[in-house]
Amino acid sequence: MKISHIKHLCFIFLAISVVVACNSPYTPRPQGYFKIDFPKHEYKLFDQPGYPYTFEYPVYANVLKDSTFFEDKPENPYWINIDFPRFSGKIYISYKAIGSNDLNKLINDAFNMTYKHSTRATEIVDSAMRTSNGISGVFFSVGGNAATAKQFFVTDSVNHFLRGALYFDASPNEDSLGVVNNFLQEDMKHLINTFRWK
């Protein structure tokens, strides 16, 4: 047998092997997300001197004083961020005294800021609430790939108005952030239910 025949047979064998190997059915791997191990819901008290409010927040979060508002200083020293480093998320808390602001304007601004996300949202559900501590307000759930899925505001209708919005340091994706949003929603509702004005 000549060397050219052996090369020819090897080429045919290799070609048949490739064709047979490529005929196996291809099943694409479904898209998945990282498994997240959630901590137990436990809370501690935020009660800093001079602040006009107090509430409980998760032990796995940090309260940071907000020092900037779109490159300006916040209008008062009571703006804070509740930072969740484990989830790369923050609840941005802004406070306004009603005496120097009109309550209806503050409420309208809160609705307008939430409904700005309607271009990316599949739904926006707003729910009026009143806690056992006499705190009233509205909780917003925003569906779809909006930048924020959970927002709220609380007020005593006379002196104080506080707004909170949960954002993540990630591209908005309802599928991947949904479980974290649902987990942190419980913490936000606990914050609201333990919230008190001083």
C-alpha atoms as a PDB file:
ATOM      1  CA  MET A   1       0.000   0.000   0.000  1.00  0.00           C
ATOM      2  CA  LYS A   2       1.381   3.352  -0.978  1.00  0.00           C
ATOM      3  CA  ILE A   3       1.791   6.233   1.434  1.00  0.00           C
ATOM      4  CA  SER A   4      -0.613   8.332  -0.650  1.00  0.00           C
ATOM      5  CA  HIS A   5      -3.312   5.626  -0.180  1.00  0.00           C
ATOM      6  CA  ILE A   6      -2.720   5.621   3.595  1.00  0.00           C
ATOM      7  CA  LYS A   7      -3.003   9.421   3.709  1.00  0.00           C
ATOM      8  CA  HIS A   8      -6.167   9.218   1.616  1.00  0.00           C
ATOM      9  CA  LEU A   9      -7.714   6.585   3.966  1.00  0.00           C
ATOM     10  CA  CYS A  10      -6.765   8.638   7.041  1.00  0.00           C
ATOM     11  CA  PHE A  11      -8.391  11.724   5.522  1.00  0.00           C
ATOM     12  CA  ILE A  12     -11.595   9.780   4.753  1.00  0.00           C
ATOM     13  CA  PHE A  13     -11.657   8.308   8.279  1.00  0.00           C
ATOM     14  CA  LEU A  14     -11.142  11.758   9.798  1.00  0.00           C
ATOM     15  CA  ALA A  15     -13.874  13.305   7.623  1.00  0.00           C
ATOM     16  CA  ILE A  16     -16.340  10.536   8.579  1.00  0.00           C
ATOM     17  CA  SER A  17     -15.481  11.019  12.276  1.00  0.00           C
ATOM     18  CA  VAL A  18     -16.146  14.759  12.055  1.00  0.00           C
ATOM     19  CA  VAL A  19     -19.453  14.250  10.229  1.00  0.00           C
ATOM     20  CA  VAL A  20     -20.644  11.601  12.705  1.00  0.00           C
ATOM     21  CA  ALA A  21     -19.573  13.674  15.716  1.00  0.00           C
ATOM     22  CA  CYS A  22     -21.387  16.773  14.413  1.00  0.00           C
ATOM     23  CA  ASN A  23     -24.693  14.938  13.993  1.00  0.00           C
ATOM     24  CA  SER A  24     -25.386  14.721  17.714  1.00  0.00           C
ATOM     25  CA  PRO A  25     -28.364  16.852  18.741  1.00  0.00           C
ATOM     26  CA  TYR A  26     -27.427  20.269  20.132  1.00  0.00           C
ATOM     27  CA  THR A  27     -29.219  21.427  23.242  1.00  0.00           C
ATOM     28  CA  PRO A  28     -28.490  25.037  24.178  1.00  0.00           C
ATOM     29  CA  ARG A  29     -27.791  25.667  27.826  1.00  0.00           C
ATOM     30  CA  PRO A  30     -30.513  27.822  29.384  1.00  0.00           C
ATOM     31  CA  GLN A  31     -29.444  31.211  30.689  1.00  0.00           C
ATOM     32  CA  GLY A  32     -28.889  31.115  34.420  1.00  0.00           C
ATOM     33  CA  TYR A  33     -27.961  33.438  37.226  1.00  0.00           C
ATOM     34  CA  PHE A  34     -25.700  33.093  40.218  1.00  0.00           C
ATOM     35  CA  LYS A  35     -27.233  31.489  43.290  1.00  0.00           C
ATOM     36  CA  ILE A  36     -27.595  34.035  46.060  1.00  0.00           C
ATOM     37  CA  ASP A  37     -27.428  32.967  49.679  1.00  0.00           C
ATOM     38  CA  PHE A  38     -29.618  35.402  51.563  1.00  0.00           C
ATOM     39  CA  PRO A  39     -28.912  36.240  55.196  1.00  0.00           C
ATOM     40  CA  LYS A  40     -31.524  35.960  57.912  1.00  0.00           C
ATOM     41  CA  HIS A  41     -33.678  39.092  58.276  1.00  0.00           C
ATOM     42  CA  GLU A  42     -32.328  40.755  61.431  1.00  0.00           C
ATOM     43  CA  TYR A  43     -32.494  44.434  62.319  1.00  0.00           C
ATOM     44  CA  LYS A  44     -30.885  47.165  64.389  1.00  0.00           C
ATOM     45  CA  LEU A  45     -32.056  50.655  65.308  1.00  0.00           C
ATOM     46  CA  PHE A  46     -31.087  53.852  63.506  1.00  0.00           C
ATOM     47  CA  ASP A  47     -31.532  56.598  66.108  1.00  0.00           C
ATOM     48  CA  GLN A  48     -28.885  59.261  65.572  1.00  0.00           C
ATOM     49  CA  PRO A  49     -28.925  62.473  67.618  1.00  0.00           C
ATOM     50  CA  GLY A  50     -30.344  65.439  65.728  1.00  0.00           C
ATOM     51  CA  TYR A  51     -32.123  63.377  63.054  1.00  0.00           C
ATOM     52  CA  PRO A  52     -35.913  63.937  62.919  1.00  0.00           C
ATOM     53  CA  TYR A  53     -36.644  60.226  62.405  1.00  0.00           C
ATOM     54  CA  THR A  54     -35.771  56.752  63.648  1.00  0.00           C
ATOM     55  CA  PHE A  55     -36.275  53.268  62.155  1.00  0.00           C
ATOM     56  CA  GLU A  56     -34.902  49.733  62.114  1.00  0.00           C
ATOM     57  CA  TYR A  57     -32.683  48.566  59.261  1.00  0.00           C
ATOM     58  CA  PRO A  58     -30.935  45.248  58.430  1.00  0.00           C
ATOM     59  CA  VAL A  59     -27.767  44.236  60.269  1.00  0.00           C
ATOM     60  CA  TYR A  60     -26.194  43.424  56.872  1.00  0.00           C
ATOM     61  CA  ALA A  61     -26.598  47.061  55.741  1.00  0.00           C
ATOM     62  CA  ASN A  62     -24.729  50.277  56.542  1.00  0.00           C
ATOM     63  CA  VAL A  63     -26.226  53.730  56.964  1.00  0.00           C
ATOM     64  CA  LEU A  64     -24.118  56.359  55.202  1.00  0.00           C
ATOM     65  CA  LYS A  65     -24.659  60.098  55.240  1.00  0.00           C
ATOM     66  CA  ASP A  66     -25.464  61.339  51.730  1.00  0.00           C
ATOM     67  CA  SER A  67     -22.994  64.059  50.807  1.00  0.00           C
ATOM     68  CA  THR A  68     -23.964  64.737  47.173  1.00  0.00           C
ATOM     69  CA  PHE A  69     -27.153  65.161  45.188  1.00  0.00           C
ATOM     70  CA  PHE A  70     -26.352  65.251  41.454  1.00  0.00           C
ATOM     71  CA  GLU A  71     -23.067  67.066  42.170  1.00  0.00           C
ATOM     72  CA  ASP A  72     -24.784  69.509  44.568  1.00  0.00           C
ATOM     73  CA  LYS A  73     -25.058  69.296  48.331  1.00  0.00           C
ATOM     74  CA  PRO A  74     -28.316  67.870  49.721  1.00  0.00           C
ATOM     75  CA  GLU A  75     -30.658  70.592  50.903  1.00  0.00           C
ATOM     76  CA  ASN A  76     -30.429  69.400  54.526  1.00  0.00           C
ATOM     77  CA  PRO A  77     -28.171  67.114  56.603  1.00  0.00           C
ATOM     78  CA  TYR A  78     -30.776  64.354  57.047  1.00  0.00           C
ATOM     79  CA  TRP A  79     -30.297  62.657  53.684  1.00  0.00           C
ATOM     80  CA  ILE A  80     -28.837  59.166  54.058  1.00  0.00           C
ATOM     81  CA  ASN A  81     -28.184  56.013  52.040  1.00  0.00           C
ATOM     82  CA  ILE A  82     -28.808  52.522  53.351  1.00  0.00           C
ATOM     83  CA  ASP A  83     -26.039  50.557  51.668  1.00  0.00           C
ATOM     84  CA  PHE A  84     -26.282  46.798  51.007  1.00  0.00           C
ATOM     85  CA  PRO A  85     -22.681  45.969  49.979  1.00  0.00           C
ATOM     86  CA  ARG A  86     -23.480  42.268  49.633  1.00  0.00           C
ATOM     87  CA  PHE A  87     -26.060  43.054  46.919  1.00  0.00           C
ATOM     88  CA  SER A  88     -24.463  46.213  45.409  1.00  0.00           C
ATOM     89  CA  GLY A  89     -27.631  48.124  46.203  1.00  0.00           C
ATOM     90  CA  LYS A  90     -28.692  51.228  48.123  1.00  0.00           C
ATOM     91  CA  ILE A  91     -31.877  52.763  49.409  1.00  0.00           C
ATOM     92  CA  TYR A  92     -31.495  56.487  48.826  1.00  0.00           C
ATOM     93  CA  ILE A  93     -33.361  58.373  51.556  1.00  0.00           C
ATOM     94  CA  SER A  94     -34.219  62.063  51.164  1.00  0.00           C
ATOM     95  CA  TYR A  95     -35.917  64.135  53.862  1.00  0.00           C
ATOM     96  CA  LYS A  96     -37.771  67.444  53.551  1.00  0.00           C
ATOM     97  CA  ALA A  97     -39.441  69.613  56.143  1.00  0.00           C
ATOM     98  CA  ILE A  98     -43.013  70.411  55.114  1.00  0.00           C
ATOM     99  CA  GLY A  99     -42.849  73.898  56.706  1.00  0.00           C
ATOM    100  CA  SER A 100     -40.609  75.134  53.885  1.00  0.00           C
ATOM    101  CA  ASN A 101     -42.237  72.950  51.203  1.00  0.00           C
ATOM    102  CA  ASP A 102     -45.802  72.388  50.028  1.00  0.00           C
ATOM    103  CA  LEU A 103     -47.037  68.871  50.937  1.00  0.00           C
ATOM    104  CA  ASN A 104     -49.002  68.456  47.690  1.00  0.00           C
ATOM    105  CA  LYS A 105     -45.913  69.372  45.661  1.00  0.00           C
ATOM    106  CA  LEU A 106     -43.778  66.858  47.604  1.00  0.00           C
ATOM    107  CA  ILE A 107     -46.351  64.106  46.993  1.00  0.00           C
ATOM    108  CA  ASN A 108     -46.660  65.010  43.301  1.00  0.00           C
ATOM    109  CA  ASP A 109     -42.853  65.035  42.963  1.00  0.00           C
ATOM    110  CA  ALA A 110     -42.674  61.544  44.531  1.00  0.00           C
ATOM    111  CA  PHE A 111     -45.272  60.217  42.060  1.00  0.00           C
ATOM    112  CA  ASN A 112     -43.574  61.975  39.128  1.00  0.00           C
ATOM    113  CA  MET A 113     -40.148  60.578  40.042  1.00  0.00           C
ATOM    114  CA  THR A 114     -41.606  57.067  40.186  1.00  0.00           C
ATOM    115  CA  TYR A 115     -43.586  57.392  36.967  1.00  0.00           C
ATOM    116  CA  LYS A 116     -40.504  58.655  35.086  1.00  0.00           C
ATOM    117  CA  HIS A 117     -39.631  54.950  34.941  1.00  0.00           C
ATOM    118  CA  SER A 118     -42.825  54.133  33.014  1.00  0.00           C
ATOM    119  CA  THR A 119     -40.931  54.026  29.688  1.00  0.00           C
ATOM    120  CA  ARG A 120     -39.050  50.914  30.881  1.00  0.00           C
ATOM    121  CA  ALA A 121     -41.640  49.597  33.338  1.00  0.00           C
ATOM    122  CA  THR A 122     -44.215  46.939  32.515  1.00  0.00           C
ATOM    123  CA  GLU A 123     -46.352  48.088  35.437  1.00  0.00           C
ATOM    124  CA  ILE A 124     -46.315  50.473  38.376  1.00  0.00           C
ATOM    125  CA  VAL A 125     -48.404  49.589  41.399  1.00  0.00           C
ATOM    126  CA  ASP A 126     -48.796  52.190  44.135  1.00  0.00           C
ATOM    127  CA  SER A 127     -50.248  51.126  47.483  1.00  0.00           C
ATOM    128  CA  ALA A 128     -51.382  53.551  50.190  1.00  0.00           C
ATOM    129  CA  MET A 129     -50.242  52.532  53.660  1.00  0.00           C
ATOM    130  CA  ARG A 130     -50.705  53.515  57.286  1.00  0.00           C
ATOM    131  CA  THR A 131     -48.601  51.913  60.011  1.00  0.00           C
ATOM    132  CA  SER A 132     -49.414  51.260  63.653  1.00  0.00           C
ATOM    133  CA  ASN A 133     -47.042  54.152  64.491  1.00  0.00           C
ATOM    134  CA  GLY A 134     -49.371  56.567  62.647  1.00  0.00           C
ATOM    135  CA  ILE A 135     -47.073  56.881  59.627  1.00  0.00           C
ATOM    136  CA  SER A 136     -48.862  57.222  56.298  1.00  0.00           C
ATOM    137  CA  GLY A 137     -47.507  57.121  52.776  1.00  0.00           C
ATOM    138  CA  VAL A 138     -47.337  55.158  49.533  1.00  0.00           C
ATOM    139  CA  PHE A 139     -45.251  52.131  48.504  1.00  0.00           C
ATOM    140  CA  PHE A 140     -44.437  51.750  44.784  1.00  0.00           C
ATOM    141  CA  SER A 141     -43.596  48.473  43.024  1.00  0.00           C
ATOM    142  CA  VAL A 142     -42.208  48.989  39.526  1.00  0.00           C
ATOM    143  CA  GLY A 143     -42.197  45.976  37.186  1.00  0.00           C
ATOM    144  CA  GLY A 144     -39.958  45.408  34.176  1.00  0.00           C
ATOM    145  CA  ASN A 145     -36.400  46.567  33.559  1.00  0.00           C
ATOM    146  CA  ALA A 146     -36.736  49.940  35.262  1.00  0.00           C
ATOM    147  CA  ALA A 147     -33.762  51.393  37.135  1.00  0.00           C
ATOM    148  CA  THR A 148     -35.605  51.067  40.451  1.00  0.00           C
ATOM    149  CA  ALA A 149     -38.225  48.468  41.379  1.00  0.00           C
ATOM    150  CA  LYS A 150     -39.123  49.647  44.899  1.00  0.00           C
ATOM    151  CA  GLN A 151     -39.839  53.166  46.144  1.00  0.00           C
ATOM    152  CA  PHE A 152     -41.849  54.744  48.941  1.00  0.00           C
ATOM    153  CA  PHE A 153     -42.630  57.935  50.765  1.00  0.00           C
ATOM    154  CA  VAL A 154     -43.878  58.543  54.304  1.00  0.00           C
ATOM    155  CA  THR A 155     -45.199  61.686  55.955  1.00  0.00           C
ATOM    156  CA  ASP A 156     -47.005  63.002  59.007  1.00  0.00           C
ATOM    157  CA  SER A 157     -48.755  65.527  56.686  1.00  0.00           C
ATOM    158  CA  VAL A 158     -47.732  68.429  58.938  1.00  0.00           C
ATOM    159  CA  ASN A 159     -43.972  68.638  59.521  1.00  0.00           C
ATOM    160  CA  HIS A 160     -42.057  65.810  57.845  1.00  0.00           C
ATOM    161  CA  PHE A 161     -41.738  64.115  54.433  1.00  0.00           C
ATOM    162  CA  LEU A 162     -39.292  61.291  53.615  1.00  0.00           C
ATOM    163  CA  ARG A 163     -38.787  59.437  50.343  1.00  0.00           C
ATOM    164  CA  GLY A 164     -36.816  56.234  49.683  1.00  0.00           C
ATOM    165  CA  ALA A 165     -35.803  54.490  46.448  1.00  0.00           C
ATOM    166  CA  LEU A 166     -33.887  51.243  45.981  1.00  0.00           C
ATOM    167  CA  TYR A 167     -31.229  51.179  43.245  1.00  0.00           C
ATOM    168  CA  PHE A 168     -28.566  48.643  42.286  1.00  0.00           C
ATOM    169  CA  ASP A 169     -25.113  49.212  40.849  1.00  0.00           C
ATOM    170  CA  ALA A 170     -26.003  46.986  37.883  1.00  0.00           C
ATOM    171  CA  SER A 171     -27.861  47.136  34.598  1.00  0.00           C
ATOM    172  CA  PRO A 172     -31.597  46.849  35.257  1.00  0.00           C
ATOM    173  CA  ASN A 173     -32.726  43.284  34.581  1.00  0.00           C
ATOM    174  CA  GLU A 174     -35.958  42.125  36.167  1.00  0.00           C
ATOM    175  CA  ASP A 175     -35.030  38.442  35.858  1.00  0.00           C
ATOM    176  CA  SER A 176     -31.674  38.631  37.615  1.00  0.00           C
ATOM    177  CA  LEU A 177     -32.578  41.312  40.186  1.00  0.00           C
ATOM    178  CA  GLY A 178     -36.085  40.041  40.943  1.00  0.00           C
ATOM    179  CA  VAL A 179     -35.126  37.740  43.814  1.00  0.00           C
ATOM    180  CA  VAL A 180     -32.962  40.434  45.435  1.00  0.00           C
ATOM    181  CA  ASN A 181     -35.705  43.053  44.989  1.00  0.00           C
ATOM    182  CA  ASN A 182     -38.201  40.727  46.669  1.00  0.00           C
ATOM    183  CA  PHE A 183     -35.780  39.999  49.515  1.00  0.00           C
ATOM    184  CA  LEU A 184     -35.027  43.689  50.125  1.00  0.00           C
ATOM    185  CA  GLN A 185     -38.703  44.618  49.814  1.00  0.00           C
ATOM    186  CA  GLU A 186     -39.253  42.832  53.124  1.00  0.00           C
ATOM    187  CA  ASP A 187     -36.506  44.986  54.654  1.00  0.00           C
ATOM    188  CA  MET A 188     -38.010  48.165  53.201  1.00  0.00           C
ATOM    189  CA  LYS A 189     -41.421  47.301  54.616  1.00  0.00           C
ATOM    190  CA  HIS A 190     -39.841  46.569  58.008  1.00  0.00           C
ATOM    191  CA  LEU A 191     -38.125  49.962  57.867  1.00  0.00           C
ATOM    192  CA  ILE A 192     -41.490  51.624  57.137  1.00  0.00           C
ATOM    193  CA  ASN A 193     -43.362  49.696  59.844  1.00  0.00           C
ATOM    194  CA  THR A 194     -40.773  50.633  62.493  1.00  0.00           C
ATOM    195  CA  PHE A 195     -40.411  54.219  61.278  1.00  0.00           C
ATOM    196  CA  ARG A 196     -41.135  57.039  63.760  1.00  0.00           C
ATOM    197  CA  TRP A 197     -40.837  60.794  63.686  1.00  0.00           C
ATOM    198  CA  LYS A 198     -39.075  62.382  66.658  1.00  0.00           C
END
